[in-house]
Amino acid sequence: MNLTWHLCLMAFLYIIAGINHFRSPGMYLKIIPPYFSNPKLLNILSGAAEVILGILLILPPLRHFAAWGIIALLIAVFPANLFMYQNKKAGFGLPKWILLLRMPLQLLLILWAYQYTL
């Protein structure tokens, strides 16, 4: 099993982020746009997906699947980034430029995951 440091880092970050959905759900519930129903369920599902996909990334036979899953997840949660930018309360008082920077960062995270789909 040839795990590079950047693959391990990616897996670790998704696992920790996923666990954080359960440790600090309020933070995530605040950024779910109000037009989505059942934000508590969405938080649980996205947190579980991050943990599971992070674990699957380190398993070579499942890495391809996990990477595509992460890409789908990053696309699915993009409305939260827009909502954070548009809603001062959801943006945690961060400067607008930081919230704006989060959006292209999603693209970089997608590109990072894409390298493991090949």
N, C-alpha and C. Protein backbone atom coordinates (compact mmCIF):
# COMPACT_ATOMS: atom_id res chain seq x y z
N MET A 1 0.85 -1.17 0.00
CA MET A 1 0.00 0.00 0.00
C MET A 1 0.90 1.23 0.00
N ASN A 2 0.90 1.97 -1.09
CA ASN A 2 1.74 3.14 -1.25
C ASN A 2 0.93 4.39 -0.94
N LEU A 3 0.99 4.84 0.32
CA LEU A 3 0.27 6.03 0.72
C LEU A 3 1.23 7.21 0.77
N THR A 4 0.95 8.20 -0.02
CA THR A 4 1.77 9.40 0.00
C THR A 4 1.29 10.31 1.12
N TRP A 5 2.13 11.24 1.51
CA TRP A 5 1.77 12.13 2.61
C TRP A 5 0.55 12.97 2.28
N HIS A 6 0.39 13.38 1.01
CA HIS A 6 -0.75 14.23 0.68
C HIS A 6 -2.06 13.45 0.67
N LEU A 7 -2.00 12.16 0.35
CA LEU A 7 -3.19 11.33 0.43
C LEU A 7 -3.57 11.11 1.90
N CYS A 8 -2.57 10.85 2.73
CA CYS A 8 -2.84 10.68 4.17
C CYS A 8 -3.39 11.97 4.77
N LEU A 9 -2.84 13.10 4.35
CA LEU A 9 -3.32 14.39 4.84
C LEU A 9 -4.78 14.60 4.43
N MET A 10 -5.08 14.31 3.18
CA MET A 10 -6.45 14.48 2.71
C MET A 10 -7.41 13.60 3.50
N ALA A 11 -7.06 12.34 3.67
CA ALA A 11 -7.90 11.43 4.42
C ALA A 11 -8.09 11.93 5.85
N PHE A 12 -7.01 12.34 6.49
CA PHE A 12 -7.05 12.84 7.86
C PHE A 12 -7.96 14.06 7.97
N LEU A 13 -7.83 15.00 7.04
CA LEU A 13 -8.64 16.22 7.09
C LEU A 13 -10.14 15.92 6.94
N TYR A 14 -10.48 15.00 6.05
CA TYR A 14 -11.90 14.67 5.89
C TYR A 14 -12.44 13.92 7.11
N ILE A 15 -11.65 13.04 7.67
CA ILE A 15 -12.09 12.31 8.86
C ILE A 15 -12.31 13.27 10.02
N ILE A 16 -11.35 14.16 10.25
CA ILE A 16 -11.48 15.14 11.35
C ILE A 16 -12.66 16.08 11.11
N ALA A 17 -12.79 16.56 9.87
CA ALA A 17 -13.92 17.45 9.56
C ALA A 17 -15.25 16.73 9.78
N GLY A 18 -15.31 15.47 9.38
CA GLY A 18 -16.53 14.70 9.56
C GLY A 18 -16.87 14.50 11.03
N ILE A 19 -15.87 14.18 11.83
CA ILE A 19 -16.08 14.02 13.27
C ILE A 19 -16.57 15.32 13.88
N ASN A 20 -16.04 16.43 13.38
CA ASN A 20 -16.43 17.74 13.92
C ASN A 20 -17.91 18.05 13.69
N HIS A 21 -18.52 17.44 12.67
CA HIS A 21 -19.96 17.62 12.45
C HIS A 21 -20.75 17.11 13.64
N PHE A 22 -20.22 16.13 14.34
CA PHE A 22 -20.91 15.55 15.48
C PHE A 22 -20.49 16.23 16.79
N ARG A 23 -19.27 16.72 16.84
CA ARG A 23 -18.78 17.39 18.04
C ARG A 23 -19.32 18.81 18.15
N SER A 24 -19.44 19.51 17.04
CA SER A 24 -19.90 20.91 17.02
C SER A 24 -20.96 21.11 15.95
N PRO A 25 -22.10 20.45 16.08
CA PRO A 25 -23.11 20.53 15.01
C PRO A 25 -23.64 21.94 14.77
N GLY A 26 -23.69 22.76 15.82
CA GLY A 26 -24.23 24.11 15.67
C GLY A 26 -23.51 24.92 14.62
N MET A 27 -22.20 24.74 14.55
CA MET A 27 -21.41 25.47 13.56
C MET A 27 -21.86 25.13 12.14
N TYR A 28 -22.13 23.87 11.90
CA TYR A 28 -22.53 23.43 10.56
C TYR A 28 -24.00 23.76 10.28
N LEU A 29 -24.83 23.63 11.30
CA LEU A 29 -26.25 23.94 11.12
C LEU A 29 -26.44 25.41 10.74
N LYS A 30 -25.58 26.27 11.25
CA LYS A 30 -25.66 27.71 10.98
C LYS A 30 -25.40 28.04 9.51
N ILE A 31 -24.62 27.20 8.82
CA ILE A 31 -24.25 27.53 7.43
C ILE A 31 -25.10 26.79 6.39
N ILE A 32 -26.04 25.98 6.84
CA ILE A 32 -26.93 25.30 5.89
C ILE A 32 -28.02 26.29 5.49
N PRO A 33 -28.13 26.58 4.20
CA PRO A 33 -29.14 27.56 3.76
C PRO A 33 -30.55 27.14 4.19
N PRO A 34 -31.40 28.12 4.51
CA PRO A 34 -32.74 27.80 5.03
C PRO A 34 -33.65 27.10 4.02
N TYR A 35 -33.31 27.17 2.73
CA TYR A 35 -34.18 26.51 1.75
C TYR A 35 -33.98 24.99 1.72
N PHE A 36 -33.01 24.48 2.48
CA PHE A 36 -32.85 23.03 2.63
C PHE A 36 -33.66 22.57 3.84
N SER A 37 -34.45 21.54 3.65
CA SER A 37 -35.21 21.02 4.78
C SER A 37 -34.35 20.05 5.58
N ASN A 38 -34.67 19.92 6.84
CA ASN A 38 -34.02 19.00 7.77
C ASN A 38 -32.49 19.20 7.85
N PRO A 39 -32.06 20.37 8.29
CA PRO A 39 -30.62 20.63 8.38
C PRO A 39 -29.88 19.68 9.32
N LYS A 40 -30.55 19.21 10.37
CA LYS A 40 -29.88 18.28 11.29
C LYS A 40 -29.50 16.99 10.57
N LEU A 41 -30.42 16.48 9.75
CA LEU A 41 -30.13 15.27 8.98
C LEU A 41 -29.03 15.52 7.97
N LEU A 42 -29.06 16.67 7.31
CA LEU A 42 -28.02 17.00 6.33
C LEU A 42 -26.65 17.08 7.01
N ASN A 43 -26.60 17.63 8.21
CA ASN A 43 -25.34 17.70 8.94
C ASN A 43 -24.83 16.30 9.27
N ILE A 44 -25.71 15.45 9.74
CA ILE A 44 -25.32 14.07 10.08
C ILE A 44 -24.83 13.33 8.83
N LEU A 45 -25.57 13.45 7.73
CA LEU A 45 -25.20 12.74 6.50
C LEU A 45 -23.87 13.25 5.94
N SER A 46 -23.68 14.57 5.94
CA SER A 46 -22.43 15.09 5.39
C SER A 46 -21.25 14.76 6.30
N GLY A 47 -21.45 14.79 7.60
CA GLY A 47 -20.38 14.41 8.53
C GLY A 47 -20.01 12.94 8.38
N ALA A 48 -21.03 12.09 8.31
CA ALA A 48 -20.77 10.65 8.13
C ALA A 48 -20.08 10.39 6.80
N ALA A 49 -20.52 11.09 5.75
CA ALA A 49 -19.90 10.92 4.43
C ALA A 49 -18.42 11.30 4.49
N GLU A 50 -18.09 12.40 5.16
CA GLU A 50 -16.69 12.81 5.25
C GLU A 50 -15.84 11.77 5.97
N VAL A 51 -16.36 11.24 7.07
CA VAL A 51 -15.60 10.22 7.81
C VAL A 51 -15.42 8.98 6.95
N ILE A 52 -16.50 8.49 6.38
CA ILE A 52 -16.44 7.25 5.59
C ILE A 52 -15.55 7.43 4.36
N LEU A 53 -15.71 8.53 3.64
CA LEU A 53 -14.90 8.75 2.44
C LEU A 53 -13.43 8.95 2.80
N GLY A 54 -13.16 9.60 3.92
CA GLY A 54 -11.78 9.76 4.38
C GLY A 54 -11.13 8.42 4.66
N ILE A 55 -11.86 7.52 5.28
CA ILE A 55 -11.34 6.18 5.56
C ILE A 55 -11.14 5.40 4.26
N LEU A 56 -12.12 5.50 3.36
CA LEU A 56 -12.03 4.76 2.10
C LEU A 56 -10.87 5.24 1.23
N LEU A 57 -10.47 6.51 1.40
CA LEU A 57 -9.34 7.04 0.62
C LEU A 57 -8.05 6.26 0.86
N ILE A 58 -7.88 5.73 2.06
CA ILE A 58 -6.63 5.03 2.37
C ILE A 58 -6.66 3.56 1.98
N LEU A 59 -7.78 3.10 1.46
CA LEU A 59 -7.90 1.71 1.01
C LEU A 59 -7.79 1.67 -0.51
N PRO A 60 -6.67 1.21 -1.05
CA PRO A 60 -6.43 1.27 -2.50
C PRO A 60 -7.57 0.79 -3.39
N PRO A 61 -8.24 -0.34 -3.07
CA PRO A 61 -9.31 -0.77 -3.98
C PRO A 61 -10.51 0.17 -3.99
N LEU A 62 -10.65 1.00 -2.95
CA LEU A 62 -11.81 1.87 -2.83
C LEU A 62 -11.47 3.35 -3.02
N ARG A 63 -10.21 3.66 -3.23
CA ARG A 63 -9.75 5.04 -3.34
C ARG A 63 -10.45 5.79 -4.47
N HIS A 64 -10.58 5.15 -5.61
CA HIS A 64 -11.23 5.75 -6.78
C HIS A 64 -12.66 6.16 -6.43
N PHE A 65 -13.40 5.25 -5.81
CA PHE A 65 -14.77 5.52 -5.40
C PHE A 65 -14.82 6.66 -4.38
N ALA A 66 -13.92 6.63 -3.40
CA ALA A 66 -13.89 7.66 -2.37
C ALA A 66 -13.61 9.03 -2.95
N ALA A 67 -12.69 9.10 -3.90
CA ALA A 67 -12.35 10.39 -4.50
C ALA A 67 -13.55 10.98 -5.25
N TRP A 68 -14.26 10.13 -6.01
CA TRP A 68 -15.46 10.62 -6.69
C TRP A 68 -16.52 11.04 -5.67
N GLY A 69 -16.63 10.30 -4.58
CA GLY A 69 -17.57 10.66 -3.52
C GLY A 69 -17.24 12.01 -2.90
N ILE A 70 -15.96 12.27 -2.69
CA ILE A 70 -15.53 13.56 -2.14
C ILE A 70 -15.85 14.69 -3.11
N ILE A 71 -15.62 14.45 -4.39
CA ILE A 71 -15.96 15.46 -5.39
C ILE A 71 -17.46 15.77 -5.35
N ALA A 72 -18.27 14.73 -5.30
CA ALA A 72 -19.73 14.93 -5.23
C ALA A 72 -20.11 15.67 -3.95
N LEU A 73 -19.48 15.33 -2.85
CA LEU A 73 -19.76 15.99 -1.58
C LEU A 73 -19.38 17.47 -1.63
N LEU A 74 -18.22 17.76 -2.18
CA LEU A 74 -17.79 19.16 -2.28
C LEU A 74 -18.75 19.99 -3.14
N ILE A 75 -19.27 19.39 -4.18
CA ILE A 75 -20.25 20.08 -5.02
C ILE A 75 -21.57 20.26 -4.24
N ALA A 76 -21.96 19.22 -3.52
CA ALA A 76 -23.22 19.26 -2.77
C ALA A 76 -23.22 20.31 -1.66
N VAL A 77 -22.08 20.53 -1.04
CA VAL A 77 -22.03 21.48 0.08
C VAL A 77 -21.69 22.90 -0.38
N PHE A 78 -21.48 23.10 -1.67
CA PHE A 78 -21.14 24.43 -2.16
C PHE A 78 -22.18 25.50 -1.80
N PRO A 79 -23.48 25.17 -1.80
CA PRO A 79 -24.46 26.19 -1.39
C PRO A 79 -24.18 26.76 0.01
N ALA A 80 -23.58 25.99 0.88
CA ALA A 80 -23.24 26.51 2.21
C ALA A 80 -22.19 27.62 2.10
N ASN A 81 -21.24 27.47 1.18
CA ASN A 81 -20.24 28.53 0.98
C ASN A 81 -20.90 29.81 0.47
N LEU A 82 -21.82 29.67 -0.47
CA LEU A 82 -22.55 30.83 -0.97
C LEU A 82 -23.37 31.49 0.14
N PHE A 83 -24.04 30.67 0.93
CA PHE A 83 -24.87 31.19 2.02
C PHE A 83 -24.00 31.92 3.05
N MET A 84 -22.83 31.38 3.34
CA MET A 84 -21.92 32.05 4.28
C MET A 84 -21.53 33.43 3.74
N TYR A 85 -21.31 33.52 2.45
CA TYR A 85 -20.93 34.79 1.83
C TYR A 85 -22.08 35.79 1.86
N GLN A 86 -23.29 35.29 1.66
CA GLN A 86 -24.46 36.17 1.54
C GLN A 86 -25.08 36.55 2.89
N ASN A 87 -24.86 35.74 3.90
CA ASN A 87 -25.52 35.93 5.18
C ASN A 87 -24.49 36.20 6.27
N LYS A 88 -24.55 37.39 6.85
CA LYS A 88 -23.53 37.80 7.83
C LYS A 88 -23.47 36.84 9.02
N LYS A 89 -24.61 36.40 9.52
CA LYS A 89 -24.64 35.50 10.67
C LYS A 89 -24.00 34.15 10.32
N ALA A 90 -24.30 33.64 9.14
CA ALA A 90 -23.74 32.35 8.71
C ALA A 90 -22.24 32.47 8.43
N GLY A 91 -21.78 33.68 8.14
CA GLY A 91 -20.36 33.90 7.84
C GLY A 91 -19.49 34.06 9.06
N PHE A 92 -20.07 33.90 10.25
CA PHE A 92 -19.32 33.95 11.51
C PHE A 92 -18.55 35.25 11.68
N GLY A 93 -19.00 36.32 11.02
CA GLY A 93 -18.34 37.61 11.15
C GLY A 93 -17.00 37.70 10.44
N LEU A 94 -16.69 36.71 9.60
CA LEU A 94 -15.44 36.74 8.85
C LEU A 94 -15.50 37.81 7.76
N PRO A 95 -14.37 38.39 7.40
CA PRO A 95 -14.37 39.36 6.31
C PRO A 95 -14.88 38.75 5.01
N LYS A 96 -15.57 39.57 4.24
CA LYS A 96 -16.14 39.09 2.97
C LYS A 96 -15.08 38.49 2.05
N TRP A 97 -13.87 39.04 2.05
CA TRP A 97 -12.84 38.53 1.14
C TRP A 97 -12.44 37.10 1.50
N ILE A 98 -12.46 36.76 2.78
CA ILE A 98 -12.14 35.39 3.18
C ILE A 98 -13.26 34.45 2.73
N LEU A 99 -14.50 34.89 2.92
CA LEU A 99 -15.64 34.07 2.51
C LEU A 99 -15.67 33.90 0.99
N LEU A 100 -15.28 34.94 0.27
CA LEU A 100 -15.21 34.85 -1.19
C LEU A 100 -14.09 33.90 -1.62
N LEU A 101 -13.00 33.91 -0.90
CA LEU A 101 -11.86 33.03 -1.20
C LEU A 101 -12.20 31.56 -1.00
N ARG A 102 -13.16 31.27 -0.12
CA ARG A 102 -13.57 29.88 0.13
C ARG A 102 -14.12 29.22 -1.13
N MET A 103 -14.75 30.00 -1.98
CA MET A 103 -15.40 29.41 -3.15
C MET A 103 -14.40 28.81 -4.14
N PRO A 104 -13.37 29.55 -4.57
CA PRO A 104 -12.39 28.88 -5.44
C PRO A 104 -11.58 27.81 -4.71
N LEU A 105 -11.51 27.91 -3.39
CA LEU A 105 -10.84 26.87 -2.62
C LEU A 105 -11.55 25.52 -2.81
N GLN A 106 -12.89 25.57 -2.93
CA GLN A 106 -13.64 24.34 -3.21
C GLN A 106 -13.14 23.69 -4.49
N LEU A 107 -12.86 24.51 -5.50
CA LEU A 107 -12.37 23.98 -6.78
C LEU A 107 -11.01 23.32 -6.59
N LEU A 108 -10.15 23.92 -5.79
CA LEU A 108 -8.84 23.31 -5.52
C LEU A 108 -9.00 21.98 -4.78
N LEU A 109 -9.95 21.92 -3.86
CA LEU A 109 -10.20 20.66 -3.15
C LEU A 109 -10.73 19.59 -4.11
N ILE A 110 -11.56 20.01 -5.05
CA ILE A 110 -12.07 19.08 -6.06
C ILE A 110 -10.91 18.56 -6.91
N LEU A 111 -10.03 19.46 -7.32
CA LEU A 111 -8.88 19.04 -8.13
C LEU A 111 -7.96 18.11 -7.34
N TRP A 112 -7.80 18.37 -6.06
CA TRP A 112 -6.98 17.50 -5.20
C TRP A 112 -7.59 16.10 -5.16
N ALA A 113 -8.91 16.02 -4.98
CA ALA A 113 -9.57 14.70 -4.95
C ALA A 113 -9.51 14.04 -6.33
N TYR A 114 -9.63 14.83 -7.39
CA TYR A 114 -9.66 14.27 -8.74
C TYR A 114 -8.40 13.47 -9.07
N GLN A 115 -7.27 13.87 -8.53
CA GLN A 115 -6.05 13.13 -8.85
C GLN A 115 -6.11 11.67 -8.37
N TYR A 116 -7.01 11.37 -7.45
CA TYR A 116 -7.14 9.98 -6.98
C TYR A 116 -8.25 9.21 -7.68
N THR A 117 -8.88 9.85 -8.69
CA THR A 117 -9.90 9.14 -9.46
C THR A 117 -9.30 8.39 -10.64
N LEU A 118 -8.07 8.72 -10.97
CA LEU A 118 -7.43 8.15 -12.17
C LEU A 118 -6.86 6.77 -11.93
